[in-house]
Structure formats: structure tokens, C-alpha cells
Amino acid sequence: MAKKILTIVVTEGPYRYQYADIAFEMAESAIKNGYDVRMFLYMDGTHMPKRNQAPQSFPNTAERLRSLVKAGVKIISCIRCSTARGYTCSERPYINGVEIKSVYKLGEWIKDSHRVITLGC
């Protein structure tokens, strides 16, 4: 029997709201409960995996994403949203393991998912 799949869509960036933190906690919990987890970063959520973040009083979202990638979470950042915010595929702005792809991939993921959760305003 195939594992259940949870897809988390994050539309808000880090350090402004707690959506990134909630996404991490949900992903970690789902993994512990036997789910495969996918995370799609959309709109300002595309800021989350940026390399070389140095927040002073918050957990580093890129580092937290890195730990999810190591745990097998698939993470995609929307290409249109990423490029609109200055992140280009050729410059490799994100941590390893985060791919930049079309929003159409989200549609494929939703079709295959058992649960889909969207976090953002």
C-alpha cells in the first residue's frame, strides 16, 4: 500500500507571520505519522529557501527546510513567483534540494495528494 501524501502550500514569506513555522511543524508531524510530504512555495513563500539567511531573533527558515529535504520532503518554488522576486534558476538562489518549477506541478501534486493544506493570508 502506498504512503499517504500531504501537500503543504505556503504563500507567505518567513519572519513576518508564523506560517513557515507552522508548515515545518506540520511536515515533521506528518513524516512521523507515515506520510510522504511535499511543500510548494508560492507568492512570498518563495523567500523561504533563500541561501545565506541570517535572521537575528528567528529560526532560520532555509536551515529548517534543509532538514526537511534531508528527511525526504520534496520542495518546489513557483518559477513565476521566484523570478518576480529576483530568484533566477541560473543563479541557484536556493538551498540544495529545492527546485524551481511551474505552478502546474502543484496541480499534479494536488491530484495525487490525500490532504492539501494552504498556509498564508
N, C-alpha and C. Protein backbone atom coordinates (compact mmCIF):
# COMPACT_ATOMS: atom_id res chain seq x y z
N MET A 1 0.84 -1.18 0.00
CA MET A 1 0.00 0.00 0.00
C MET A 1 0.89 1.25 0.00
N ALA A 2 0.58 2.18 -0.86
CA ALA A 2 1.37 3.42 -0.97
C ALA A 2 1.13 4.31 0.24
N LYS A 3 2.16 5.07 0.56
CA LYS A 3 2.03 6.02 1.67
C LYS A 3 1.04 7.11 1.31
N LYS A 4 0.42 7.68 2.31
CA LYS A 4 -0.42 8.84 2.08
C LYS A 4 0.47 10.05 1.83
N ILE A 5 -0.04 10.98 1.04
CA ILE A 5 0.74 12.16 0.67
C ILE A 5 0.06 13.41 1.21
N LEU A 6 0.85 14.23 1.88
CA LEU A 6 0.41 15.54 2.35
C LEU A 6 1.14 16.60 1.53
N THR A 7 0.39 17.51 0.94
CA THR A 7 0.98 18.64 0.24
C THR A 7 0.68 19.90 1.03
N ILE A 8 1.73 20.65 1.33
CA ILE A 8 1.60 21.92 2.05
C ILE A 8 1.97 23.04 1.09
N VAL A 9 1.06 23.99 0.93
CA VAL A 9 1.29 25.15 0.08
C VAL A 9 1.50 26.35 1.00
N VAL A 10 2.64 27.03 0.87
CA VAL A 10 2.93 28.19 1.71
C VAL A 10 2.98 29.42 0.80
N THR A 11 2.14 30.41 1.12
CA THR A 11 2.05 31.62 0.29
C THR A 11 2.65 32.86 0.95
N GLU A 12 3.04 32.76 2.19
CA GLU A 12 3.64 33.90 2.90
C GLU A 12 5.11 33.63 3.20
N GLY A 13 5.89 34.67 3.19
CA GLY A 13 7.32 34.54 3.45
C GLY A 13 7.63 34.36 4.92
N PRO A 14 8.88 34.08 5.21
CA PRO A 14 9.30 33.88 6.60
C PRO A 14 9.43 35.19 7.36
N TYR A 15 9.43 35.10 8.66
CA TYR A 15 9.76 36.20 9.56
C TYR A 15 8.68 37.28 9.67
N ARG A 16 7.63 37.17 8.92
CA ARG A 16 6.55 38.15 9.01
C ARG A 16 5.35 37.56 9.75
N TYR A 17 5.03 36.34 9.42
CA TYR A 17 3.96 35.59 10.06
C TYR A 17 4.53 34.26 10.50
N GLN A 18 3.75 33.46 11.19
CA GLN A 18 4.21 32.16 11.66
C GLN A 18 3.89 31.01 10.70
N TYR A 19 3.47 31.32 9.49
CA TYR A 19 3.10 30.26 8.57
C TYR A 19 4.26 29.32 8.26
N ALA A 20 5.45 29.85 8.12
CA ALA A 20 6.61 28.98 7.86
C ALA A 20 6.82 28.01 9.01
N ASP A 21 6.76 28.52 10.23
CA ASP A 21 6.92 27.66 11.41
C ASP A 21 5.84 26.59 11.47
N ILE A 22 4.61 26.98 11.18
CA ILE A 22 3.50 26.02 11.19
C ILE A 22 3.73 24.95 10.12
N ALA A 23 4.19 25.36 8.95
CA ALA A 23 4.46 24.40 7.87
C ALA A 23 5.52 23.39 8.29
N PHE A 24 6.58 23.85 8.95
CA PHE A 24 7.63 22.94 9.41
C PHE A 24 7.08 21.94 10.42
N GLU A 25 6.32 22.44 11.39
CA GLU A 25 5.77 21.56 12.42
C GLU A 25 4.82 20.52 11.81
N MET A 26 3.99 20.96 10.88
CA MET A 26 3.06 20.03 10.22
C MET A 26 3.82 18.99 9.42
N ALA A 27 4.83 19.42 8.69
CA ALA A 27 5.62 18.48 7.88
C ALA A 27 6.30 17.44 8.76
N GLU A 28 6.93 17.89 9.83
CA GLU A 28 7.61 16.96 10.73
C GLU A 28 6.63 15.97 11.36
N SER A 29 5.47 16.46 11.76
CA SER A 29 4.45 15.59 12.35
C SER A 29 3.93 14.58 11.33
N ALA A 30 3.69 15.04 10.11
CA ALA A 30 3.20 14.14 9.07
C ALA A 30 4.21 13.03 8.76
N ILE A 31 5.49 13.40 8.71
CA ILE A 31 6.53 12.40 8.47
C ILE A 31 6.51 11.35 9.57
N LYS A 32 6.41 11.79 10.81
CA LYS A 32 6.36 10.86 11.95
C LYS A 32 5.14 9.94 11.87
N ASN A 33 4.07 10.42 11.22
CA ASN A 33 2.85 9.63 11.09
C ASN A 33 2.78 8.86 9.77
N GLY A 34 3.91 8.75 9.08
CA GLY A 34 4.00 7.90 7.92
C GLY A 34 3.62 8.51 6.59
N TYR A 35 3.46 9.82 6.53
CA TYR A 35 3.13 10.48 5.27
C TYR A 35 4.38 10.81 4.46
N ASP A 36 4.23 10.82 3.16
CA ASP A 36 5.18 11.49 2.28
C ASP A 36 4.73 12.94 2.26
N VAL A 37 5.67 13.86 2.32
CA VAL A 37 5.32 15.28 2.39
C VAL A 37 5.93 16.02 1.21
N ARG A 38 5.12 16.91 0.67
CA ARG A 38 5.55 17.80 -0.41
C ARG A 38 5.23 19.22 0.03
N MET A 39 6.08 20.16 -0.35
CA MET A 39 5.85 21.56 0.00
C MET A 39 6.01 22.40 -1.25
N PHE A 40 4.98 23.18 -1.55
CA PHE A 40 5.01 24.08 -2.70
C PHE A 40 5.04 25.51 -2.19
N LEU A 41 6.06 26.25 -2.59
CA LEU A 41 6.24 27.63 -2.14
C LEU A 41 5.73 28.56 -3.23
N TYR A 42 4.79 29.39 -2.85
CA TYR A 42 4.09 30.24 -3.82
C TYR A 42 4.07 31.67 -3.29
N MET A 43 3.98 32.63 -4.18
CA MET A 43 3.99 34.05 -3.84
C MET A 43 5.19 34.36 -2.94
N ASP A 44 4.99 35.01 -1.78
CA ASP A 44 6.13 35.35 -0.92
C ASP A 44 6.73 34.14 -0.19
N GLY A 45 6.07 33.00 -0.27
CA GLY A 45 6.65 31.78 0.28
C GLY A 45 7.96 31.41 -0.41
N THR A 46 8.17 31.97 -1.61
CA THR A 46 9.39 31.68 -2.36
C THR A 46 10.64 32.28 -1.71
N HIS A 47 10.47 33.13 -0.71
CA HIS A 47 11.63 33.66 0.02
C HIS A 47 12.19 32.65 1.04
N MET A 48 11.41 31.66 1.40
CA MET A 48 11.80 30.74 2.48
C MET A 48 13.12 30.00 2.26
N PRO A 49 13.40 29.47 1.07
CA PRO A 49 14.62 28.67 0.92
C PRO A 49 15.86 29.45 0.49
N LYS A 50 15.82 30.76 0.55
CA LYS A 50 16.95 31.59 0.10
C LYS A 50 18.21 31.23 0.88
N ARG A 51 19.30 31.08 0.15
CA ARG A 51 20.61 30.79 0.78
C ARG A 51 21.07 31.96 1.64
N ASN A 52 21.95 31.69 2.56
CA ASN A 52 22.67 32.69 3.36
C ASN A 52 21.77 33.64 4.16
N GLN A 53 20.66 33.13 4.65
CA GLN A 53 19.83 33.95 5.54
C GLN A 53 20.54 34.08 6.88
N ALA A 54 20.35 35.22 7.53
CA ALA A 54 20.98 35.43 8.84
C ALA A 54 20.02 36.16 9.77
N PRO A 55 18.88 35.54 10.08
CA PRO A 55 17.94 36.20 10.99
C PRO A 55 18.53 36.28 12.39
N GLN A 56 18.27 37.36 13.07
CA GLN A 56 18.84 37.56 14.40
C GLN A 56 17.99 36.94 15.50
N SER A 57 16.67 37.05 15.41
CA SER A 57 15.85 36.54 16.51
C SER A 57 14.81 35.51 16.10
N PHE A 58 15.00 34.92 14.94
CA PHE A 58 14.07 33.92 14.46
C PHE A 58 14.83 32.69 14.01
N PRO A 59 14.16 31.53 14.00
CA PRO A 59 14.79 30.35 13.42
C PRO A 59 15.03 30.59 11.93
N ASN A 60 16.13 30.09 11.42
CA ASN A 60 16.49 30.25 10.02
C ASN A 60 15.64 29.31 9.17
N THR A 61 14.77 29.89 8.34
CA THR A 61 13.85 29.05 7.56
C THR A 61 14.58 28.17 6.54
N ALA A 62 15.65 28.67 5.95
CA ALA A 62 16.38 27.86 4.98
C ALA A 62 16.99 26.63 5.65
N GLU A 63 17.51 26.81 6.85
CA GLU A 63 18.08 25.67 7.58
C GLU A 63 17.00 24.67 7.95
N ARG A 64 15.84 25.16 8.34
CA ARG A 64 14.75 24.25 8.67
C ARG A 64 14.29 23.49 7.43
N LEU A 65 14.24 24.18 6.30
CA LEU A 65 13.88 23.50 5.05
C LEU A 65 14.93 22.45 4.69
N ARG A 66 16.19 22.78 4.93
CA ARG A 66 17.27 21.82 4.65
C ARG A 66 17.05 20.52 5.43
N SER A 67 16.61 20.64 6.67
CA SER A 67 16.36 19.42 7.47
C SER A 67 15.18 18.64 6.91
N LEU A 68 14.18 19.33 6.36
CA LEU A 68 13.05 18.62 5.75
C LEU A 68 13.47 17.92 4.47
N VAL A 69 14.32 18.56 3.68
CA VAL A 69 14.83 17.93 2.46
C VAL A 69 15.57 16.64 2.83
N LYS A 70 16.39 16.70 3.87
CA LYS A 70 17.13 15.50 4.31
C LYS A 70 16.19 14.40 4.76
N ALA A 71 15.00 14.81 5.26
CA ALA A 71 14.01 13.82 5.70
C ALA A 71 13.15 13.30 4.55
N GLY A 72 13.43 13.78 3.33
CA GLY A 72 12.73 13.27 2.16
C GLY A 72 11.59 14.14 1.64
N VAL A 73 11.41 15.31 2.20
CA VAL A 73 10.35 16.21 1.73
C VAL A 73 10.75 16.80 0.37
N LYS A 74 9.82 16.76 -0.57
CA LYS A 74 10.04 17.38 -1.88
C LYS A 74 9.56 18.82 -1.79
N ILE A 75 10.41 19.75 -2.19
CA ILE A 75 10.08 21.18 -2.10
C ILE A 75 10.26 21.82 -3.46
N ILE A 76 9.21 22.51 -3.90
CA ILE A 76 9.25 23.24 -5.16
C ILE A 76 8.85 24.69 -4.90
N SER A 77 9.56 25.59 -5.55
CA SER A 77 9.24 27.01 -5.53
C SER A 77 8.70 27.39 -6.90
N CYS A 78 7.60 28.10 -6.93
CA CYS A 78 6.96 28.51 -8.19
C CYS A 78 7.92 29.37 -9.01
N ILE A 79 8.13 29.01 -10.26
CA ILE A 79 9.08 29.73 -11.10
C ILE A 79 8.64 31.18 -11.35
N ARG A 80 7.38 31.39 -11.59
CA ARG A 80 6.90 32.75 -11.87
C ARG A 80 7.04 33.64 -10.64
N CYS A 81 6.69 33.10 -9.49
CA CYS A 81 6.80 33.86 -8.23
C CYS A 81 8.26 34.10 -7.87
N SER A 82 9.09 33.09 -8.08
CA SER A 82 10.52 33.20 -7.75
C SER A 82 11.19 34.26 -8.60
N THR A 83 10.97 34.20 -9.91
CA THR A 83 11.64 35.16 -10.78
C THR A 83 11.11 36.57 -10.57
N ALA A 84 9.84 36.71 -10.23
CA ALA A 84 9.29 38.03 -9.94
C ALA A 84 9.95 38.65 -8.71
N ARG A 85 10.50 37.82 -7.84
CA ARG A 85 11.16 38.29 -6.62
C ARG A 85 12.68 38.28 -6.75
N GLY A 86 13.18 38.09 -7.96
CA GLY A 86 14.61 38.19 -8.21
C GLY A 86 15.40 36.91 -8.10
N TYR A 87 14.74 35.77 -7.94
CA TYR A 87 15.43 34.49 -7.83
C TYR A 87 15.39 33.80 -9.19
N THR A 88 16.54 33.65 -9.82
CA THR A 88 16.58 33.00 -11.13
C THR A 88 17.20 31.62 -11.03
N CYS A 89 16.76 30.75 -11.91
CA CYS A 89 17.27 29.37 -11.92
C CYS A 89 18.77 29.33 -12.13
N SER A 90 19.29 30.21 -12.99
CA SER A 90 20.71 30.16 -13.32
C SER A 90 21.61 30.58 -12.16
N GLU A 91 21.11 31.38 -11.25
CA GLU A 91 21.93 31.84 -10.12
C GLU A 91 21.89 30.91 -8.91
N ARG A 92 21.04 29.91 -8.94
CA ARG A 92 20.89 28.96 -7.83
C ARG A 92 20.75 29.69 -6.49
N PRO A 93 19.67 30.43 -6.31
CA PRO A 93 19.50 31.23 -5.10
C PRO A 93 19.08 30.43 -3.87
N TYR A 94 18.66 29.19 -4.09
CA TYR A 94 18.06 28.41 -3.01
C TYR A 94 19.00 27.33 -2.49
N ILE A 95 18.68 26.84 -1.31
CA ILE A 95 19.43 25.72 -0.74
C ILE A 95 19.28 24.51 -1.65
N ASN A 96 20.22 23.59 -1.56
CA ASN A 96 20.15 22.35 -2.34
C ASN A 96 18.89 21.58 -1.98
N GLY A 97 18.29 21.00 -3.00
CA GLY A 97 17.10 20.19 -2.78
C GLY A 97 15.80 20.91 -3.08
N VAL A 98 15.85 22.21 -3.27
CA VAL A 98 14.66 22.98 -3.62
C VAL A 98 14.69 23.24 -5.12
N GLU A 99 13.64 22.84 -5.80
CA GLU A 99 13.56 23.02 -7.24
C GLU A 99 12.66 24.21 -7.57
N ILE A 100 12.92 24.85 -8.69
CA ILE A 100 12.08 25.93 -9.19
C ILE A 100 11.34 25.36 -10.40
N LYS A 101 10.00 25.31 -10.30
CA LYS A 101 9.20 24.71 -11.37
C LYS A 101 7.89 25.48 -11.53
N SER A 102 7.16 25.10 -12.54
CA SER A 102 5.89 25.73 -12.87
C SER A 102 4.81 25.43 -11.83
N VAL A 103 3.87 26.34 -11.73
CA VAL A 103 2.72 26.14 -10.84
C VAL A 103 1.90 24.93 -11.27
N TYR A 104 2.05 24.50 -12.52
CA TYR A 104 1.33 23.32 -12.98
C TYR A 104 1.73 22.06 -12.21
N LYS A 105 2.94 22.06 -11.68
CA LYS A 105 3.38 20.93 -10.85
C LYS A 105 2.51 20.83 -9.60
N LEU A 106 2.09 21.97 -9.09
CA LEU A 106 1.20 21.96 -7.91
C LEU A 106 -0.10 21.24 -8.25
N GLY A 107 -0.64 21.48 -9.42
CA GLY A 107 -1.86 20.78 -9.83
C GLY A 107 -1.68 19.27 -9.84
N GLU A 108 -0.54 18.82 -10.34
CA GLU A 108 -0.25 17.38 -10.34
C GLU A 108 -0.17 16.85 -8.91
N TRP A 109 0.50 17.61 -8.05
CA TRP A 109 0.63 17.19 -6.65
C TRP A 109 -0.73 17.12 -5.98
N ILE A 110 -1.57 18.11 -6.20
CA ILE A 110 -2.89 18.12 -5.57
C ILE A 110 -3.69 16.89 -5.99
N LYS A 111 -3.61 16.56 -7.25
CA LYS A 111 -4.34 15.40 -7.78
C LYS A 111 -3.93 14.11 -7.06
N ASP A 112 -2.65 13.98 -6.73
CA ASP A 112 -2.13 12.76 -6.11
C ASP A 112 -2.18 12.77 -4.58
N SER A 113 -2.49 13.90 -3.99
CA SER A 113 -2.41 14.04 -2.53
C SER A 113 -3.65 13.52 -1.81
N HIS A 114 -3.43 13.05 -0.61
CA HIS A 114 -4.55 12.67 0.26
C HIS A 114 -5.06 13.88 1.03
N ARG A 115 -4.16 14.79 1.34
CA ARG A 115 -4.51 16.03 2.05
C ARG A 115 -3.69 17.17 1.46
N VAL A 116 -4.32 18.34 1.36
CA VAL A 116 -3.64 19.55 0.91
C VAL A 116 -3.98 20.65 1.90
N ILE A 117 -2.95 21.32 2.38
CA ILE A 117 -3.12 22.42 3.35
C ILE A 117 -2.45 23.64 2.78
N THR A 118 -3.16 24.75 2.80
CA THR A 118 -2.59 26.03 2.34
C THR A 118 -2.43 26.94 3.54
N LEU A 119 -1.23 27.50 3.66
CA LEU A 119 -0.92 28.42 4.76
C LEU A 119 -0.54 29.78 4.20
N GLY A 120 -1.25 30.80 4.60
CA GLY A 120 -0.98 32.16 4.14
C GLY A 120 -2.20 33.03 4.30
N CYS A 121 -2.01 34.28 3.99
CA CYS A 121 -3.11 35.23 4.14
C CYS A 121 -4.00 35.24 2.92
